[in-house]
Amino acid sequence: MPDGGGQRRSFRLPRGVAINRRNRIDGLSLLRAIPADVVGMVFCDPQYRTGLDKLAFGNEGSRQKKRAKLPQMTDEVIREFVLEAERVLAPSHYLMLWVDKFSIGEGQHLRYLEAARRLHVVDLLAWNKLTIGMGKRLRCTTEYLVIAQKEPIRAKGTWTDHRIKDCWPEAKDGDRHA
């Protein structure tokens, strides 16, 4: 990743961790092993509890078996992840934070980002999963990708694919958690 002077900085990942591969390491441990200001993009798809606890469906053991097996993340852990992402991101680079409509509606996504003062929301993508989900009023078919950028904020030279629409229709793979 180029630093402010245009030179490349390199670093070693922890033993047994490979780039662009499935790894068995806690996300916070991985981020903490990375030096500051070197990463071009961080994806965070947290196993958040806030919306599920508020809805209190009480059927996670029957209908949400795969999700219920995943380690759940408290709001504090998600905020820690966002802070570490801010630290490792190179200037003008991006955090992609997946959230549900409850998080957007309640402003929870902003609470995740509030301590990360150098990260700013610059865009939002809606993912239409094309399948019906949970909901007490409207049935959810959408998740959201909050796109935050580390200062300095700029689009030119940092975002090169202008074919991406702000609503992504794609059926989720029913065999995998999404």
C-alpha atoms as a PDB file:
ATOM      1  CA  MET A   1       0.000   0.000   0.000  1.00  0.00           C
ATOM      2  CA  PRO A   2       1.503   3.376  -0.920  1.00  0.00           C
ATOM      3  CA  ASP A   3       2.160   5.683   2.026  1.00  0.00           C
ATOM      4  CA  GLY A   4       2.098   9.469   1.865  1.00  0.00           C
ATOM      5  CA  GLY A   5       5.433   9.498   0.018  1.00  0.00           C
ATOM      6  CA  GLY A   6       4.319   7.023  -2.635  1.00  0.00           C
ATOM      7  CA  GLN A   7       6.558   4.239  -1.296  1.00  0.00           C
ATOM      8  CA  ARG A   8       5.245   0.770  -0.506  1.00  0.00           C
ATOM      9  CA  ARG A   9       5.117  -0.501   3.062  1.00  0.00           C
ATOM     10  CA  SER A  10       5.135  -4.202   3.694  1.00  0.00           C
ATOM     11  CA  PHE A  11       4.300  -6.220   6.780  1.00  0.00           C
ATOM     12  CA  ARG A  12       4.033  -9.842   7.852  1.00  0.00           C
ATOM     13  CA  LEU A  13       0.728 -11.446   8.632  1.00  0.00           C
ATOM     14  CA  PRO A  14       0.506 -13.750  11.653  1.00  0.00           C
ATOM     15  CA  ARG A  15       1.715 -17.334  11.095  1.00  0.00           C
ATOM     16  CA  GLY A  16      -0.867 -19.415   9.231  1.00  0.00           C
ATOM     17  CA  VAL A  17      -2.815 -16.414   7.884  1.00  0.00           C
ATOM     18  CA  ALA A  18      -3.048 -15.962   4.109  1.00  0.00           C
ATOM     19  CA  ILE A  19      -4.343 -13.061   2.049  1.00  0.00           C
ATOM     20  CA  ASN A  20      -7.599 -13.664   0.130  1.00  0.00           C
ATOM     21  CA  ARG A  21      -8.170 -17.029   1.803  1.00  0.00           C
ATOM     22  CA  ARG A  22     -10.479 -18.278   4.516  1.00  0.00           C
ATOM     23  CA  ASN A  23      -8.535 -18.035   7.755  1.00  0.00           C
ATOM     24  CA  ARG A  24      -9.273 -19.310  11.237  1.00  0.00           C
ATOM     25  CA  ILE A  25      -8.419 -16.260  13.315  1.00  0.00           C
ATOM     26  CA  ASP A  26     -10.504 -13.831  15.291  1.00  0.00           C
ATOM     27  CA  GLY A  27     -11.008 -10.611  13.306  1.00  0.00           C
ATOM     28  CA  LEU A  28      -9.809  -8.368  16.126  1.00  0.00           C
ATOM     29  CA  SER A  29      -6.658 -10.457  16.585  1.00  0.00           C
ATOM     30  CA  LEU A  30      -5.955 -10.203  12.873  1.00  0.00           C
ATOM     31  CA  LEU A  31      -6.467  -6.439  12.758  1.00  0.00           C
ATOM     32  CA  ARG A  32      -4.301  -5.939  15.854  1.00  0.00           C
ATOM     33  CA  ALA A  33      -1.459  -7.825  14.136  1.00  0.00           C
ATOM     34  CA  ILE A  34      -1.458  -5.377  11.203  1.00  0.00           C
ATOM     35  CA  PRO A  35       0.528  -2.113  11.327  1.00  0.00           C
ATOM     36  CA  ALA A  36      -1.245   1.228  11.038  1.00  0.00           C
ATOM     37  CA  ASP A  37      -2.142   2.876   7.723  1.00  0.00           C
ATOM     38  CA  VAL A  38      -1.441  -0.042   5.337  1.00  0.00           C
ATOM     39  CA  VAL A  39      -4.787  -1.644   4.387  1.00  0.00           C
ATOM     40  CA  GLY A  40      -6.837  -0.637   1.345  1.00  0.00           C
ATOM     41  CA  MET A  41     -10.217  -2.001   2.464  1.00  0.00           C
ATOM     42  CA  VAL A  42     -11.736  -3.726   5.483  1.00  0.00           C
ATOM     43  CA  PHE A  43     -14.994  -5.685   5.337  1.00  0.00           C
ATOM     44  CA  CYS A  44     -16.956  -6.137   8.555  1.00  0.00           C
ATOM     45  CA  ASP A  45     -20.037  -8.368   8.596  1.00  0.00           C
ATOM     46  CA  PRO A  46     -20.702  -8.481  12.333  1.00  0.00           C
ATOM     47  CA  GLN A  47     -22.886 -11.015  14.075  1.00  0.00           C
ATOM     48  CA  TYR A  48     -24.803  -8.229  15.801  1.00  0.00           C
ATOM     49  CA  ARG A  49     -27.427  -8.919  18.442  1.00  0.00           C
ATOM     50  CA  THR A  50     -29.057  -5.511  18.861  1.00  0.00           C
ATOM     51  CA  GLY A  51     -31.835  -5.848  16.277  1.00  0.00           C
ATOM     52  CA  LEU A  52     -32.493  -9.526  17.003  1.00  0.00           C
ATOM     53  CA  ASP A  53     -32.784  -8.862  20.729  1.00  0.00           C
ATOM     54  CA  LYS A  54     -35.160  -5.943  20.106  1.00  0.00           C
ATOM     55  CA  LEU A  55     -37.383  -8.032  17.805  1.00  0.00           C
ATOM     56  CA  ALA A  56     -37.303 -10.940  20.292  1.00  0.00           C
ATOM     57  CA  PHE A  57     -38.550 -13.539  17.843  1.00  0.00           C
ATOM     58  CA  GLY A  58     -37.342 -16.325  20.106  1.00  0.00           C
ATOM     59  CA  ASN A  59     -37.002 -18.829  17.247  1.00  0.00           C
ATOM     60  CA  GLU A  60     -33.290 -18.681  16.485  1.00  0.00           C
ATOM     61  CA  GLY A  61     -32.825 -22.287  17.510  1.00  0.00           C
ATOM     62  CA  SER A  62     -35.320 -23.516  14.920  1.00  0.00           C
ATOM     63  CA  ARG A  63     -35.227 -21.134  11.956  1.00  0.00           C
ATOM     64  CA  GLN A  64     -31.834 -19.506  12.394  1.00  0.00           C
ATOM     65  CA  LYS A  65     -29.694 -22.563  13.162  1.00  0.00           C
ATOM     66  CA  LYS A  66     -26.623 -21.489  11.176  1.00  0.00           C
ATOM     67  CA  ARG A  67     -26.699 -17.906  12.468  1.00  0.00           C
ATOM     68  CA  ALA A  68     -27.225 -19.037  16.068  1.00  0.00           C
ATOM     69  CA  LYS A  69     -24.053 -21.184  15.874  1.00  0.00           C
ATOM     70  CA  LEU A  70     -21.898 -18.171  14.973  1.00  0.00           C
ATOM     71  CA  PRO A  71     -20.266 -16.275  17.851  1.00  0.00           C
ATOM     72  CA  GLN A  72     -22.391 -13.208  18.536  1.00  0.00           C
ATOM     73  CA  MET A  73     -20.787  -9.778  18.811  1.00  0.00           C
ATOM     74  CA  THR A  74     -21.802  -7.144  21.321  1.00  0.00           C
ATOM     75  CA  ASP A  75     -22.068  -3.554  20.170  1.00  0.00           C
ATOM     76  CA  GLU A  76     -18.855  -2.837  22.106  1.00  0.00           C
ATOM     77  CA  VAL A  77     -16.940  -5.545  20.208  1.00  0.00           C
ATOM     78  CA  ILE A  78     -18.210  -4.147  16.904  1.00  0.00           C
ATOM     79  CA  ARG A  79     -17.029  -0.664  17.930  1.00  0.00           C
ATOM     80  CA  GLU A  80     -13.591  -2.116  18.801  1.00  0.00           C
ATOM     81  CA  PHE A  81     -13.455  -3.766  15.364  1.00  0.00           C
ATOM     82  CA  VAL A  82     -14.312  -0.434  13.694  1.00  0.00           C
ATOM     83  CA  LEU A  83     -11.582   1.359  15.710  1.00  0.00           C
ATOM     84  CA  GLU A  84      -8.989  -1.226  14.669  1.00  0.00           C
ATOM     85  CA  ALA A  85     -10.170  -0.944  11.059  1.00  0.00           C
ATOM     86  CA  GLU A  86      -9.693   2.827  11.251  1.00  0.00           C
ATOM     87  CA  ARG A  87      -6.152   2.318  12.571  1.00  0.00           C
ATOM     88  CA  VAL A  88      -5.037  -0.135   9.843  1.00  0.00           C
ATOM     89  CA  LEU A  89      -6.719   1.605   6.902  1.00  0.00           C
ATOM     90  CA  ALA A  90      -4.481   3.720   4.717  1.00  0.00           C
ATOM     91  CA  PRO A  91      -5.551   7.363   4.326  1.00  0.00           C
ATOM     92  CA  SER A  92      -8.568   7.795   2.001  1.00  0.00           C
ATOM     93  CA  HIS A  93      -9.383   4.053   2.101  1.00  0.00           C
ATOM     94  CA  TYR A  94     -12.559   2.228   3.024  1.00  0.00           C
ATOM     95  CA  LEU A  95     -14.407   0.304   5.708  1.00  0.00           C
ATOM     96  CA  MET A  96     -17.346  -1.723   4.376  1.00  0.00           C
ATOM     97  CA  LEU A  97     -19.745  -2.334   7.281  1.00  0.00           C
ATOM     98  CA  TRP A  98     -22.722  -4.654   6.788  1.00  0.00           C
ATOM     99  CA  VAL A  99     -25.815  -3.762   8.823  1.00  0.00           C
ATOM    100  CA  ASP A 100     -29.521  -4.564   8.838  1.00  0.00           C
ATOM    101  CA  LYS A 101     -32.465  -2.174   8.512  1.00  0.00           C
ATOM    102  CA  PHE A 102     -32.857  -1.987  12.287  1.00  0.00           C
ATOM    103  CA  SER A 103     -29.283  -0.658  12.587  1.00  0.00           C
ATOM    104  CA  ILE A 104     -29.935   1.945   9.898  1.00  0.00           C
ATOM    105  CA  GLY A 105     -33.326   2.980  11.282  1.00  0.00           C
ATOM    106  CA  GLU A 106     -32.079   3.271  14.852  1.00  0.00           C
ATOM    107  CA  GLY A 107     -28.813   4.959  13.823  1.00  0.00           C
ATOM    108  CA  GLN A 108     -26.816   2.078  15.341  1.00  0.00           C
ATOM    109  CA  HIS A 109     -24.363   2.177  12.440  1.00  0.00           C
ATOM    110  CA  LEU A 110     -23.411   5.709  13.500  1.00  0.00           C
ATOM    111  CA  ARG A 111     -22.821   4.568  17.089  1.00  0.00           C
ATOM    112  CA  TYR A 112     -20.455   1.890  15.758  1.00  0.00           C
ATOM    113  CA  LEU A 113     -18.504   4.638  13.976  1.00  0.00           C
ATOM    114  CA  GLU A 114     -18.646   7.465  16.546  1.00  0.00           C
ATOM    115  CA  ALA A 115     -15.300   6.735  18.260  1.00  0.00           C
ATOM    116  CA  ALA A 116     -13.555   6.321  14.893  1.00  0.00           C
ATOM    117  CA  ARG A 117     -13.269  10.056  14.283  1.00  0.00           C
ATOM    118  CA  ARG A 118     -11.272   9.720  11.046  1.00  0.00           C
ATOM    119  CA  LEU A 119     -13.940   7.492   9.400  1.00  0.00           C
ATOM    120  CA  HIS A 120     -16.883   9.145   7.661  1.00  0.00           C
ATOM    121  CA  VAL A 121     -19.897   7.609   5.942  1.00  0.00           C
ATOM    122  CA  VAL A 122     -19.554   8.375   2.239  1.00  0.00           C
ATOM    123  CA  ASP A 123     -22.086   5.995   0.658  1.00  0.00           C
ATOM    124  CA  LEU A 124     -24.631   3.244   1.233  1.00  0.00           C
ATOM    125  CA  LEU A 125     -25.396   0.130  -0.793  1.00  0.00           C
ATOM    126  CA  ALA A 126     -28.652  -1.822  -0.435  1.00  0.00           C
ATOM    127  CA  TRP A 127     -28.449  -5.576  -1.068  1.00  0.00           C
ATOM    128  CA  ASN A 128     -31.765  -7.039  -2.190  1.00  0.00           C
ATOM    129  CA  LYS A 129     -31.368 -10.723  -1.260  1.00  0.00           C
ATOM    130  CA  LEU A 130     -34.449 -11.579  -3.368  1.00  0.00           C
ATOM    131  CA  THR A 131     -35.772 -13.806  -0.562  1.00  0.00           C
ATOM    132  CA  ILE A 132     -38.156 -12.931   2.222  1.00  0.00           C
ATOM    133  CA  GLY A 133     -36.800 -12.671   5.744  1.00  0.00           C
ATOM    134  CA  MET A 134     -37.971 -11.742   9.215  1.00  0.00           C
ATOM    135  CA  GLY A 135     -40.030  -8.748  10.238  1.00  0.00           C
ATOM    136  CA  LYS A 136     -42.976  -7.870  12.469  1.00  0.00           C
ATOM    137  CA  ARG A 137     -44.410  -5.433   9.933  1.00  0.00           C
ATOM    138  CA  LEU A 138     -42.499  -5.425   6.652  1.00  0.00           C
ATOM    139  CA  ARG A 139     -40.661  -8.639   5.793  1.00  0.00           C
ATOM    140  CA  CYS A 140     -36.982  -7.904   5.282  1.00  0.00           C
ATOM    141  CA  THR A 141     -35.332  -8.726   1.970  1.00  0.00           C
ATOM    142  CA  THR A 142     -32.552  -6.168   2.255  1.00  0.00           C
ATOM    143  CA  GLU A 143     -29.255  -5.662   4.060  1.00  0.00           C
ATOM    144  CA  TYR A 144     -27.107  -2.558   3.833  1.00  0.00           C
ATOM    145  CA  LEU A 145     -23.428  -1.888   3.263  1.00  0.00           C
ATOM    146  CA  VAL A 146     -22.333   1.318   4.977  1.00  0.00           C
ATOM    147  CA  ILE A 147     -19.275   2.628   3.163  1.00  0.00           C
ATOM    148  CA  ALA A 148     -17.020   4.713   5.401  1.00  0.00           C
ATOM    149  CA  GLN A 149     -13.811   6.370   4.250  1.00  0.00           C
ATOM    150  CA  LYS A 150     -10.784   7.316   6.322  1.00  0.00           C
ATOM    151  CA  GLU A 151      -9.685  10.936   6.075  1.00  0.00           C
ATOM    152  CA  PRO A 152      -8.823  12.682   3.861  1.00  0.00           C
ATOM    153  CA  ILE A 153     -12.141  12.145   2.087  1.00  0.00           C
ATOM    154  CA  ARG A 154     -11.865  11.976  -1.681  1.00  0.00           C
ATOM    155  CA  ALA A 155     -13.330   9.833  -4.435  1.00  0.00           C
ATOM    156  CA  LYS A 156     -10.912  10.506  -7.290  1.00  0.00           C
ATOM    157  CA  GLY A 157      -8.163   7.912  -7.324  1.00  0.00           C
ATOM    158  CA  THR A 158      -9.706   5.867  -4.501  1.00  0.00           C
ATOM    159  CA  TRP A 159     -12.819   4.502  -6.200  1.00  0.00           C
ATOM    160  CA  THR A 160     -12.283   3.337  -9.762  1.00  0.00           C
ATOM    161  CA  ASP A 161     -15.246   1.069 -10.598  1.00  0.00           C
ATOM    162  CA  HIS A 162     -18.180   3.341 -11.421  1.00  0.00           C
ATOM    163  CA  ARG A 163     -20.446   0.508 -12.625  1.00  0.00           C
ATOM    164  CA  ILE A 164     -21.523  -0.469  -9.098  1.00  0.00           C
ATOM    165  CA  LYS A 165     -25.146   0.457  -8.417  1.00  0.00           C
ATOM    166  CA  ASP A 166     -26.408   1.490  -4.980  1.00  0.00           C
ATOM    167  CA  CYS A 167     -28.924  -1.397  -5.010  1.00  0.00           C
ATOM    168  CA  TRP A 168     -27.438  -4.842  -5.609  1.00  0.00           C
ATOM    169  CA  PRO A 169     -29.997  -7.545  -6.500  1.00  0.00           C
ATOM    170  CA  GLU A 170     -28.577 -10.995  -5.864  1.00  0.00           C
ATOM    171  CA  ALA A 171     -30.067 -14.117  -4.336  1.00  0.00           C
ATOM    172  CA  LYS A 172     -28.147 -15.314  -1.305  1.00  0.00           C
ATOM    173  CA  ASP A 173     -26.655 -18.786  -1.281  1.00  0.00           C
ATOM    174  CA  GLY A 174     -29.095 -20.728   0.875  1.00  0.00           C
ATOM    175  CA  ASP A 175     -26.391 -23.179   1.942  1.00  0.00           C
ATOM    176  CA  ARG A 176     -24.199 -20.499   3.487  1.00  0.00           C
ATOM    177  CA  HIS A 177     -24.811 -17.877   6.143  1.00  0.00           C
ATOM    178  CA  ALA A 178     -25.397 -14.430   4.706  1.00  0.00           C
END
